[in-house]
N, C-alpha and C. Protein backbone atom coordinates (compact mmCIF):
# COMPACT_ATOMS: atom_id res chain seq x y z
N MET A 1 25.60 -8.91 -2.75
CA MET A 1 24.92 -7.73 -3.23
C MET A 1 24.86 -7.79 -4.75
N THR A 2 23.72 -7.44 -5.31
CA THR A 2 23.57 -7.36 -6.76
C THR A 2 23.53 -5.88 -7.15
N VAL A 3 24.24 -5.55 -8.24
CA VAL A 3 24.41 -4.16 -8.65
C VAL A 3 23.96 -4.00 -10.09
N LEU A 4 23.19 -2.95 -10.35
CA LEU A 4 22.82 -2.56 -11.70
C LEU A 4 23.46 -1.22 -11.99
N ASP A 5 24.28 -1.16 -13.04
CA ASP A 5 24.89 0.09 -13.46
C ASP A 5 24.16 0.57 -14.71
N VAL A 6 23.35 1.60 -14.56
CA VAL A 6 22.56 2.15 -15.66
C VAL A 6 23.44 3.11 -16.45
N ALA A 7 23.35 3.05 -17.78
CA ALA A 7 24.20 3.85 -18.67
C ALA A 7 25.66 3.50 -18.40
N ILE A 8 25.97 2.22 -18.49
CA ILE A 8 27.29 1.71 -18.14
C ILE A 8 28.41 2.37 -18.94
N GLY A 9 28.13 2.81 -20.16
CA GLY A 9 29.17 3.45 -20.95
C GLY A 9 30.36 2.54 -21.14
N THR A 10 31.55 3.06 -20.85
CA THR A 10 32.78 2.26 -20.99
C THR A 10 33.03 1.37 -19.79
N GLY A 11 32.22 1.49 -18.75
CA GLY A 11 32.32 0.59 -17.61
C GLY A 11 33.11 1.10 -16.42
N LEU A 12 33.39 2.39 -16.34
CA LEU A 12 34.21 2.90 -15.24
C LEU A 12 33.55 2.70 -13.87
N VAL A 13 32.26 2.98 -13.76
CA VAL A 13 31.56 2.81 -12.47
C VAL A 13 31.37 1.32 -12.18
N ALA A 14 31.02 0.55 -13.19
CA ALA A 14 30.83 -0.90 -13.00
C ALA A 14 32.12 -1.58 -12.57
N ARG A 15 33.25 -1.08 -13.05
CA ARG A 15 34.54 -1.65 -12.65
C ARG A 15 34.74 -1.50 -11.14
N GLU A 16 34.35 -0.35 -10.60
CA GLU A 16 34.47 -0.14 -9.16
C GLU A 16 33.48 -1.00 -8.39
N ALA A 17 32.27 -1.17 -8.94
CA ALA A 17 31.28 -2.04 -8.31
C ALA A 17 31.80 -3.47 -8.26
N LEU A 18 32.44 -3.90 -9.32
CA LEU A 18 32.99 -5.25 -9.38
C LEU A 18 34.05 -5.46 -8.30
N ARG A 19 34.82 -4.45 -8.01
CA ARG A 19 35.83 -4.54 -6.92
C ARG A 19 35.16 -4.75 -5.57
N VAL A 20 33.98 -4.13 -5.40
CA VAL A 20 33.27 -4.23 -4.12
C VAL A 20 32.61 -5.59 -3.97
N VAL A 21 31.88 -6.04 -4.98
CA VAL A 21 31.14 -7.30 -4.85
C VAL A 21 31.98 -8.51 -5.19
N ASP A 22 33.01 -8.33 -5.99
CA ASP A 22 33.99 -9.38 -6.31
C ASP A 22 33.41 -10.60 -7.02
N ARG A 23 32.22 -10.45 -7.60
CA ARG A 23 31.62 -11.55 -8.37
C ARG A 23 31.01 -10.96 -9.64
N PRO A 24 31.59 -11.24 -10.79
CA PRO A 24 31.05 -10.68 -12.04
C PRO A 24 29.56 -10.97 -12.25
N ALA A 25 29.09 -12.10 -11.78
CA ALA A 25 27.68 -12.46 -11.98
C ALA A 25 26.74 -11.52 -11.22
N ASP A 26 27.26 -10.79 -10.23
CA ASP A 26 26.43 -9.91 -9.42
C ASP A 26 26.38 -8.47 -9.91
N VAL A 27 27.07 -8.19 -11.03
CA VAL A 27 27.07 -6.85 -11.60
C VAL A 27 26.48 -6.92 -13.00
N VAL A 28 25.48 -6.07 -13.26
CA VAL A 28 24.83 -6.01 -14.56
C VAL A 28 24.91 -4.57 -15.06
N GLY A 29 25.25 -4.41 -16.32
CA GLY A 29 25.28 -3.09 -16.93
C GLY A 29 24.22 -2.97 -17.99
N VAL A 30 23.60 -1.80 -18.08
CA VAL A 30 22.60 -1.55 -19.10
C VAL A 30 22.95 -0.24 -19.80
N ASP A 31 22.77 -0.20 -21.10
CA ASP A 31 23.03 1.02 -21.86
C ASP A 31 22.16 1.00 -23.11
N VAL A 32 21.85 2.18 -23.61
CA VAL A 32 21.04 2.32 -24.82
C VAL A 32 21.90 2.19 -26.08
N SER A 33 23.22 2.27 -25.93
CA SER A 33 24.14 2.28 -27.06
C SER A 33 24.86 0.94 -27.24
N PHE A 34 24.74 0.37 -28.45
CA PHE A 34 25.50 -0.84 -28.77
C PHE A 34 27.00 -0.58 -28.66
N GLY A 35 27.42 0.60 -29.10
CA GLY A 35 28.84 0.96 -29.05
C GLY A 35 29.38 0.96 -27.63
N MET A 36 28.63 1.55 -26.71
CA MET A 36 29.07 1.58 -25.31
C MET A 36 29.07 0.18 -24.71
N LEU A 37 28.07 -0.62 -25.05
CA LEU A 37 28.04 -1.99 -24.55
C LEU A 37 29.24 -2.78 -25.06
N SER A 38 29.63 -2.54 -26.30
CA SER A 38 30.81 -3.22 -26.86
C SER A 38 32.07 -2.81 -26.12
N ARG A 39 32.19 -1.53 -25.80
CA ARG A 39 33.37 -1.05 -25.05
C ARG A 39 33.40 -1.67 -23.66
N ALA A 40 32.24 -1.72 -23.00
CA ALA A 40 32.18 -2.31 -21.67
C ALA A 40 32.49 -3.80 -21.72
N ALA A 41 31.99 -4.49 -22.74
CA ALA A 41 32.23 -5.93 -22.88
C ALA A 41 33.71 -6.22 -23.06
N ALA A 42 34.42 -5.34 -23.73
CA ALA A 42 35.86 -5.54 -23.94
C ALA A 42 36.66 -5.32 -22.66
N ALA A 43 36.08 -4.58 -21.71
CA ALA A 43 36.82 -4.23 -20.50
C ALA A 43 36.40 -5.00 -19.26
N LEU A 44 35.17 -5.55 -19.23
CA LEU A 44 34.65 -6.13 -18.00
C LEU A 44 33.95 -7.47 -18.23
N PRO A 45 34.06 -8.37 -17.26
CA PRO A 45 33.37 -9.66 -17.36
C PRO A 45 32.00 -9.65 -16.68
N VAL A 46 31.17 -8.64 -16.98
CA VAL A 46 29.85 -8.53 -16.36
C VAL A 46 28.76 -8.75 -17.40
N SER A 47 27.55 -9.01 -16.94
CA SER A 47 26.40 -9.15 -17.86
C SER A 47 26.03 -7.78 -18.39
N LEU A 48 25.71 -7.74 -19.68
CA LEU A 48 25.35 -6.47 -20.32
C LEU A 48 24.02 -6.61 -21.04
N VAL A 49 23.19 -5.57 -20.93
CA VAL A 49 21.84 -5.61 -21.49
C VAL A 49 21.58 -4.28 -22.20
N LEU A 50 20.99 -4.37 -23.38
CA LEU A 50 20.58 -3.18 -24.11
C LEU A 50 19.28 -2.68 -23.50
N GLY A 51 19.24 -1.41 -23.11
CA GLY A 51 18.02 -0.86 -22.52
C GLY A 51 18.18 0.58 -22.13
N ARG A 52 17.06 1.20 -21.76
CA ARG A 52 17.01 2.61 -21.37
C ARG A 52 16.70 2.72 -19.88
N GLY A 53 17.22 3.78 -19.27
CA GLY A 53 16.95 4.03 -17.86
C GLY A 53 15.47 4.24 -17.57
N GLU A 54 14.75 4.77 -18.56
CA GLU A 54 13.33 5.06 -18.39
C GLU A 54 12.46 3.82 -18.49
N GLN A 55 13.00 2.72 -19.03
CA GLN A 55 12.25 1.46 -19.17
C GLN A 55 13.23 0.31 -19.01
N LEU A 56 13.58 0.02 -17.78
CA LEU A 56 14.59 -1.01 -17.52
C LEU A 56 14.01 -2.41 -17.77
N PRO A 57 14.74 -3.24 -18.50
CA PRO A 57 14.25 -4.58 -18.85
C PRO A 57 14.53 -5.63 -17.76
N PHE A 58 14.10 -5.33 -16.52
CA PHE A 58 14.35 -6.24 -15.40
C PHE A 58 13.08 -6.36 -14.56
N ARG A 59 12.98 -7.48 -13.85
CA ARG A 59 11.85 -7.69 -12.93
C ARG A 59 11.95 -6.72 -11.76
N ALA A 60 10.83 -6.49 -11.14
CA ALA A 60 10.79 -5.64 -9.94
C ALA A 60 11.62 -6.28 -8.83
N ALA A 61 12.19 -5.44 -8.00
CA ALA A 61 12.95 -5.86 -6.81
C ALA A 61 14.07 -6.84 -7.16
N SER A 62 14.87 -6.51 -8.17
CA SER A 62 15.94 -7.40 -8.63
C SER A 62 17.33 -7.05 -8.10
N PHE A 63 17.56 -5.79 -7.66
CA PHE A 63 18.92 -5.36 -7.34
C PHE A 63 18.98 -4.71 -5.96
N ASP A 64 20.17 -4.84 -5.34
CA ASP A 64 20.42 -4.22 -4.04
C ASP A 64 20.94 -2.80 -4.18
N PHE A 65 21.66 -2.55 -5.27
CA PHE A 65 22.26 -1.23 -5.49
C PHE A 65 22.15 -0.88 -6.96
N LEU A 66 21.84 0.38 -7.24
CA LEU A 66 21.75 0.86 -8.61
C LEU A 66 22.62 2.10 -8.73
N SER A 67 23.50 2.11 -9.73
CA SER A 67 24.35 3.27 -9.96
C SER A 67 24.05 3.89 -11.31
N LEU A 68 24.27 5.20 -11.37
CA LEU A 68 24.18 5.95 -12.62
C LEU A 68 25.33 6.93 -12.59
N GLY A 69 26.31 6.72 -13.43
CA GLY A 69 27.52 7.54 -13.41
C GLY A 69 27.60 8.52 -14.56
N TYR A 70 27.41 9.79 -14.25
CA TYR A 70 27.62 10.88 -15.19
C TYR A 70 26.76 10.77 -16.44
N ALA A 71 25.53 10.33 -16.27
CA ALA A 71 24.60 10.23 -17.40
C ALA A 71 23.23 10.81 -17.08
N LEU A 72 23.07 11.35 -15.89
CA LEU A 72 21.78 11.90 -15.49
C LEU A 72 21.31 12.97 -16.47
N ARG A 73 22.23 13.78 -16.96
CA ARG A 73 21.87 14.88 -17.86
C ARG A 73 21.43 14.40 -19.23
N HIS A 74 21.58 13.11 -19.51
CA HIS A 74 21.17 12.55 -20.80
C HIS A 74 19.80 11.86 -20.74
N LEU A 75 19.21 11.79 -19.55
CA LEU A 75 17.92 11.14 -19.41
C LEU A 75 16.79 12.12 -19.69
N ASP A 76 15.75 11.65 -20.35
CA ASP A 76 14.65 12.52 -20.78
C ASP A 76 13.71 12.93 -19.65
N ASP A 77 13.40 12.02 -18.75
CA ASP A 77 12.33 12.27 -17.79
C ASP A 77 12.74 11.71 -16.42
N LEU A 78 13.06 12.61 -15.49
CA LEU A 78 13.50 12.17 -14.16
C LEU A 78 12.42 11.37 -13.44
N ALA A 79 11.16 11.78 -13.56
CA ALA A 79 10.09 11.09 -12.84
C ALA A 79 9.99 9.63 -13.27
N SER A 80 9.94 9.37 -14.57
CA SER A 80 9.80 7.98 -15.01
C SER A 80 11.10 7.20 -14.78
N THR A 81 12.23 7.85 -14.91
CA THR A 81 13.51 7.18 -14.67
C THR A 81 13.63 6.75 -13.21
N PHE A 82 13.35 7.67 -12.29
CA PHE A 82 13.47 7.33 -10.87
C PHE A 82 12.40 6.34 -10.43
N ALA A 83 11.24 6.38 -11.06
CA ALA A 83 10.21 5.37 -10.77
C ALA A 83 10.72 3.98 -11.18
N GLU A 84 11.41 3.90 -12.31
CA GLU A 84 12.00 2.64 -12.76
C GLU A 84 13.12 2.20 -11.81
N PHE A 85 13.95 3.13 -11.38
CA PHE A 85 15.01 2.78 -10.43
C PHE A 85 14.40 2.20 -9.16
N PHE A 86 13.35 2.86 -8.67
CA PHE A 86 12.66 2.40 -7.46
C PHE A 86 12.10 1.00 -7.69
N ARG A 87 11.49 0.77 -8.85
CA ARG A 87 10.85 -0.51 -9.16
C ARG A 87 11.85 -1.66 -9.15
N VAL A 88 13.03 -1.47 -9.74
CA VAL A 88 13.98 -2.60 -9.86
C VAL A 88 14.83 -2.81 -8.62
N LEU A 89 14.81 -1.84 -7.70
CA LEU A 89 15.56 -2.04 -6.45
C LEU A 89 14.75 -2.86 -5.45
N LYS A 90 15.45 -3.69 -4.72
CA LYS A 90 14.82 -4.45 -3.64
C LYS A 90 14.48 -3.50 -2.49
N PRO A 91 13.50 -3.84 -1.66
CA PRO A 91 13.26 -3.03 -0.46
C PRO A 91 14.56 -2.90 0.34
N GLY A 92 14.89 -1.69 0.74
CA GLY A 92 16.15 -1.43 1.43
C GLY A 92 17.30 -1.14 0.47
N GLY A 93 17.05 -1.25 -0.84
CA GLY A 93 18.08 -1.00 -1.84
C GLY A 93 18.45 0.47 -1.93
N VAL A 94 19.62 0.72 -2.47
CA VAL A 94 20.17 2.07 -2.52
C VAL A 94 20.45 2.47 -3.97
N VAL A 95 20.15 3.73 -4.28
CA VAL A 95 20.51 4.30 -5.57
C VAL A 95 21.64 5.31 -5.32
N GLY A 96 22.68 5.25 -6.17
CA GLY A 96 23.79 6.19 -6.11
C GLY A 96 23.98 6.81 -7.48
N ILE A 97 23.94 8.12 -7.54
CA ILE A 97 24.04 8.84 -8.81
C ILE A 97 25.21 9.81 -8.74
N LEU A 98 26.09 9.73 -9.73
CA LEU A 98 27.21 10.67 -9.83
C LEU A 98 26.95 11.58 -11.02
N GLU A 99 27.19 12.87 -10.86
CA GLU A 99 26.98 13.80 -11.96
C GLU A 99 27.84 15.04 -11.79
N ILE A 100 28.21 15.63 -12.89
CA ILE A 100 28.89 16.92 -12.87
C ILE A 100 27.79 17.99 -12.88
N THR A 101 27.90 18.92 -11.94
CA THR A 101 26.88 19.93 -11.77
C THR A 101 27.48 21.31 -12.05
N ARG A 102 26.76 22.10 -12.76
CA ARG A 102 27.20 23.47 -13.00
C ARG A 102 27.33 24.19 -11.67
N PRO A 103 28.44 24.88 -11.42
CA PRO A 103 28.60 25.60 -10.14
C PRO A 103 27.50 26.62 -9.93
N GLU A 104 27.09 26.79 -8.69
CA GLU A 104 26.01 27.71 -8.36
C GLU A 104 26.45 29.16 -8.44
N ARG A 105 27.69 29.45 -8.10
CA ARG A 105 28.18 30.83 -8.15
C ARG A 105 28.45 31.22 -9.60
N PRO A 106 27.93 32.36 -10.04
CA PRO A 106 28.08 32.77 -11.44
C PRO A 106 29.54 32.84 -11.92
N LEU A 107 30.43 33.37 -11.12
CA LEU A 107 31.83 33.49 -11.54
C LEU A 107 32.45 32.10 -11.74
N ALA A 108 32.20 31.19 -10.82
CA ALA A 108 32.73 29.82 -10.94
C ALA A 108 32.12 29.13 -12.15
N SER A 109 30.85 29.36 -12.40
CA SER A 109 30.18 28.75 -13.55
C SER A 109 30.79 29.26 -14.86
N ARG A 110 31.01 30.59 -14.96
CA ARG A 110 31.62 31.14 -16.17
C ARG A 110 33.04 30.63 -16.36
N ALA A 111 33.79 30.54 -15.26
CA ALA A 111 35.18 30.05 -15.36
C ALA A 111 35.21 28.60 -15.84
N LEU A 112 34.35 27.76 -15.28
CA LEU A 112 34.32 26.36 -15.71
C LEU A 112 33.83 26.25 -17.15
N GLY A 113 32.84 27.07 -17.51
CA GLY A 113 32.35 27.07 -18.89
C GLY A 113 33.44 27.48 -19.87
N PHE A 114 34.23 28.49 -19.51
CA PHE A 114 35.34 28.91 -20.37
C PHE A 114 36.37 27.80 -20.50
N TYR A 115 36.71 27.18 -19.37
CA TYR A 115 37.70 26.10 -19.39
C TYR A 115 37.23 24.94 -20.25
N MET A 116 35.99 24.50 -20.01
CA MET A 116 35.50 23.33 -20.74
C MET A 116 35.05 23.65 -22.16
N GLY A 117 34.65 24.89 -22.40
CA GLY A 117 34.17 25.26 -23.73
C GLY A 117 35.24 25.80 -24.66
N ARG A 118 36.36 26.30 -24.08
CA ARG A 118 37.42 26.89 -24.90
C ARG A 118 38.78 26.24 -24.69
N VAL A 119 39.20 26.16 -23.41
CA VAL A 119 40.55 25.65 -23.13
C VAL A 119 40.65 24.15 -23.44
N MET A 120 39.74 23.36 -22.88
CA MET A 120 39.80 21.91 -23.13
C MET A 120 39.70 21.56 -24.62
N PRO A 121 38.80 22.19 -25.39
CA PRO A 121 38.74 21.86 -26.82
C PRO A 121 40.04 22.20 -27.55
N ALA A 122 40.67 23.33 -27.17
CA ALA A 122 41.93 23.71 -27.83
C ALA A 122 43.02 22.69 -27.51
N VAL A 123 43.12 22.32 -26.25
CA VAL A 123 44.12 21.32 -25.85
C VAL A 123 43.81 19.97 -26.51
N ALA A 124 42.54 19.61 -26.53
CA ALA A 124 42.15 18.33 -27.13
C ALA A 124 42.49 18.28 -28.61
N ARG A 125 42.31 19.41 -29.32
CA ARG A 125 42.66 19.44 -30.75
C ARG A 125 44.15 19.23 -30.96
N VAL A 126 44.96 19.82 -30.09
CA VAL A 126 46.42 19.68 -30.22
C VAL A 126 46.86 18.27 -29.86
N VAL A 127 46.38 17.79 -28.72
CA VAL A 127 46.79 16.47 -28.25
C VAL A 127 46.15 15.36 -29.08
N GLY A 128 44.85 15.50 -29.35
CA GLY A 128 44.13 14.47 -30.09
C GLY A 128 44.28 14.57 -31.59
N ARG A 129 44.70 15.73 -32.03
CA ARG A 129 44.94 15.98 -33.46
C ARG A 129 43.68 15.78 -34.31
N ARG A 130 42.53 15.95 -33.69
CA ARG A 130 41.27 15.84 -34.44
C ARG A 130 40.34 16.95 -34.00
N ALA A 131 39.77 17.66 -34.94
CA ALA A 131 38.86 18.77 -34.63
C ALA A 131 37.63 18.28 -33.88
N SER A 132 37.19 17.06 -34.17
CA SER A 132 35.99 16.54 -33.52
C SER A 132 36.17 16.37 -32.01
N THR A 133 37.42 16.21 -31.56
CA THR A 133 37.67 16.08 -30.12
C THR A 133 37.27 17.37 -29.40
N GLY A 134 37.59 18.50 -29.99
CA GLY A 134 37.19 19.78 -29.41
C GLY A 134 35.68 19.94 -29.39
N ASP A 135 35.02 19.49 -30.45
CA ASP A 135 33.56 19.55 -30.50
C ASP A 135 32.95 18.72 -29.38
N LEU A 136 33.54 17.57 -29.10
CA LEU A 136 33.05 16.71 -28.02
C LEU A 136 33.16 17.42 -26.67
N CYS A 137 34.26 18.12 -26.44
CA CYS A 137 34.43 18.86 -25.18
C CYS A 137 33.37 19.94 -25.04
N ARG A 138 33.07 20.67 -26.11
CA ARG A 138 32.03 21.71 -26.07
C ARG A 138 30.65 21.08 -25.82
N TYR A 139 30.39 19.95 -26.46
CA TYR A 139 29.13 19.24 -26.24
C TYR A 139 29.00 18.83 -24.77
N PHE A 140 30.10 18.36 -24.20
CA PHE A 140 30.11 17.94 -22.80
C PHE A 140 29.68 19.11 -21.92
N TRP A 141 30.24 20.30 -22.13
CA TRP A 141 29.87 21.45 -21.33
C TRP A 141 28.41 21.84 -21.55
N ASP A 142 27.96 21.79 -22.82
CA ASP A 142 26.56 22.12 -23.11
C ASP A 142 25.61 21.22 -22.33
N THR A 143 25.94 19.93 -22.22
CA THR A 143 25.06 19.02 -21.48
C THR A 143 25.10 19.31 -19.99
N ILE A 144 26.25 19.73 -19.48
CA ILE A 144 26.35 20.08 -18.05
C ILE A 144 25.52 21.32 -17.76
N GLU A 145 25.56 22.29 -18.65
CA GLU A 145 24.76 23.51 -18.46
C GLU A 145 23.27 23.22 -18.42
N ARG A 146 22.85 22.21 -19.17
CA ARG A 146 21.41 21.89 -19.26
C ARG A 146 20.99 20.79 -18.28
N ALA A 147 21.90 20.34 -17.45
CA ALA A 147 21.58 19.27 -16.50
C ALA A 147 20.52 19.73 -15.51
N PRO A 148 19.72 18.79 -15.00
CA PRO A 148 18.71 19.17 -14.01
C PRO A 148 19.36 19.76 -12.76
N ALA A 149 18.70 20.75 -12.19
CA ALA A 149 19.20 21.38 -10.97
C ALA A 149 19.19 20.36 -9.83
N PRO A 150 20.15 20.46 -8.92
CA PRO A 150 20.20 19.52 -7.79
C PRO A 150 18.90 19.42 -7.01
N ASP A 151 18.23 20.53 -6.76
CA ASP A 151 16.96 20.48 -6.01
C ASP A 151 15.91 19.68 -6.78
N ALA A 152 15.91 19.81 -8.11
CA ALA A 152 14.96 19.05 -8.92
C ALA A 152 15.25 17.56 -8.85
N VAL A 153 16.53 17.19 -8.81
CA VAL A 153 16.91 15.78 -8.70
C VAL A 153 16.44 15.22 -7.36
N LEU A 154 16.68 15.96 -6.29
CA LEU A 154 16.28 15.49 -4.95
C LEU A 154 14.76 15.38 -4.84
N ARG A 155 14.04 16.35 -5.39
CA ARG A 155 12.57 16.29 -5.37
C ARG A 155 12.06 15.09 -6.16
N ALA A 156 12.67 14.83 -7.32
CA ALA A 156 12.23 13.70 -8.15
C ALA A 156 12.50 12.37 -7.46
N LEU A 157 13.63 12.26 -6.78
CA LEU A 157 13.91 11.03 -6.02
C LEU A 157 12.86 10.83 -4.93
N SER A 158 12.56 11.90 -4.21
CA SER A 158 11.56 11.81 -3.15
C SER A 158 10.18 11.47 -3.71
N SER A 159 9.81 12.10 -4.81
CA SER A 159 8.51 11.84 -5.43
C SER A 159 8.39 10.40 -5.93
N ALA A 160 9.50 9.80 -6.31
CA ALA A 160 9.48 8.40 -6.77
C ALA A 160 9.33 7.42 -5.61
N GLY A 161 9.44 7.92 -4.37
CA GLY A 161 9.25 7.05 -3.21
C GLY A 161 10.52 6.77 -2.43
N PHE A 162 11.66 7.31 -2.89
CA PHE A 162 12.91 7.06 -2.19
C PHE A 162 12.92 7.82 -0.86
N ARG A 163 13.56 7.21 0.13
CA ARG A 163 13.70 7.79 1.46
C ARG A 163 15.06 8.46 1.59
N ASP A 164 15.10 9.57 2.28
CA ASP A 164 16.33 10.28 2.63
C ASP A 164 17.21 10.61 1.42
N PRO A 165 16.64 11.21 0.37
CA PRO A 165 17.52 11.61 -0.74
C PRO A 165 18.42 12.76 -0.30
N HIS A 166 19.69 12.65 -0.59
CA HIS A 166 20.60 13.74 -0.25
C HIS A 166 21.71 13.85 -1.29
N ARG A 167 22.39 14.96 -1.24
CA ARG A 167 23.45 15.27 -2.21
C ARG A 167 24.69 15.69 -1.47
N HIS A 168 25.82 15.16 -1.91
CA HIS A 168 27.12 15.57 -1.39
C HIS A 168 27.88 16.19 -2.55
N LEU A 169 28.42 17.38 -2.37
CA LEU A 169 29.11 18.11 -3.43
C LEU A 169 30.61 18.05 -3.18
N VAL A 170 31.37 17.69 -4.20
CA VAL A 170 32.82 17.60 -4.11
C VAL A 170 33.43 18.58 -5.11
N TYR A 171 34.36 19.39 -4.63
CA TYR A 171 35.06 20.39 -5.46
C TYR A 171 34.11 21.35 -6.17
N GLY A 172 32.93 21.53 -5.65
CA GLY A 172 31.99 22.49 -6.20
C GLY A 172 31.31 22.09 -7.49
N ILE A 173 31.67 20.92 -8.08
CA ILE A 173 31.04 20.52 -9.35
C ILE A 173 30.61 19.06 -9.41
N PHE A 174 31.17 18.21 -8.57
CA PHE A 174 30.83 16.79 -8.63
C PHE A 174 29.75 16.49 -7.59
N SER A 175 28.57 16.14 -8.08
CA SER A 175 27.46 15.82 -7.18
C SER A 175 27.34 14.31 -7.01
N GLU A 176 27.18 13.91 -5.75
CA GLU A 176 26.91 12.51 -5.42
C GLU A 176 25.53 12.48 -4.76
N TYR A 177 24.56 11.87 -5.44
CA TYR A 177 23.22 11.74 -4.91
C TYR A 177 23.06 10.32 -4.37
N ARG A 178 22.34 10.21 -3.26
CA ARG A 178 22.10 8.89 -2.68
C ARG A 178 20.70 8.89 -2.07
N ALA A 179 20.01 7.77 -2.23
CA ALA A 179 18.68 7.61 -1.63
C ALA A 179 18.41 6.12 -1.45
N CYS A 180 17.47 5.79 -0.58
CA CYS A 180 17.14 4.39 -0.29
C CYS A 180 15.67 4.10 -0.60
N ARG A 181 15.44 2.90 -1.12
CA ARG A 181 14.07 2.42 -1.22
C ARG A 181 13.71 1.91 0.17
N PRO A 182 12.59 2.35 0.72
CA PRO A 182 12.24 1.91 2.07
C PRO A 182 12.15 0.39 2.16
N ALA A 183 12.56 -0.13 3.31
CA ALA A 183 12.43 -1.57 3.56
C ALA A 183 10.94 -1.88 3.71
N VAL A 184 10.60 -3.13 3.57
CA VAL A 184 9.20 -3.55 3.68
C VAL A 184 8.71 -3.20 5.08
N ASN A 185 7.55 -2.55 5.12
CA ASN A 185 6.95 -2.21 6.42
C ASN A 185 6.35 -3.45 7.04
N ARG A 186 6.64 -3.63 8.28
CA ARG A 186 6.06 -4.75 9.00
C ARG A 186 4.79 -4.26 9.70
N VAL A 187 3.75 -5.02 9.57
CA VAL A 187 2.49 -4.65 10.23
C VAL A 187 2.58 -5.11 11.68
N ALA A 188 2.33 -4.17 12.57
CA ALA A 188 2.38 -4.51 13.99
C ALA A 188 1.17 -5.35 14.37
N THR A 189 1.42 -6.40 15.11
CA THR A 189 0.31 -7.23 15.57
C THR A 189 -0.11 -6.75 16.95
N PRO A 190 -1.40 -6.66 17.17
CA PRO A 190 -1.86 -6.16 18.48
C PRO A 190 -1.44 -7.15 19.57
N SER A 191 -1.08 -6.60 20.68
CA SER A 191 -0.69 -7.46 21.79
C SER A 191 -1.96 -7.94 22.52
N LEU A 192 -1.89 -9.13 22.99
CA LEU A 192 -3.03 -9.71 23.71
C LEU A 192 -2.98 -9.28 25.17
N PRO A 193 -4.17 -9.08 25.78
CA PRO A 193 -4.19 -8.68 27.20
C PRO A 193 -3.72 -9.79 28.12
């Protein structure tokens, strides 16, 4: 199996993919940031490529599995991104997307916003001893609040041509999206009398 990890970041998702396929040559990471690629290169023996999810620098039908871990909220255009994901996956290939989703219930959403916008930054300032650490925590929550709604993600996957897009929610905030590129359709040959 060949795996493409889009927005590889520090390589946490790619590390798990490497455990599954057990061949570094079969895992490729792509990221728009030189800094993130450098961090991933220091941690993993996989191929790394500079690029954007909206314009992947790979041939069509190159990968069996494509992952995107906790970066969906940073992509500009779901339609073009998912069209690119569809393009680089082989027929029968699978896309797996992990994302933190704002809770649907208002009370849970406010509680998580308070925790991530106030409690985490305060703890981070004490533990990290840097004011910028708290700012990063607040930024993280701001991006979660502005993340695309789950229904919009599922519709965009379907519109891009993926089959059976679905979402599994864990602990009320962790969304796991999965969809398949349809396998090549076989043309039925007419039977002879």
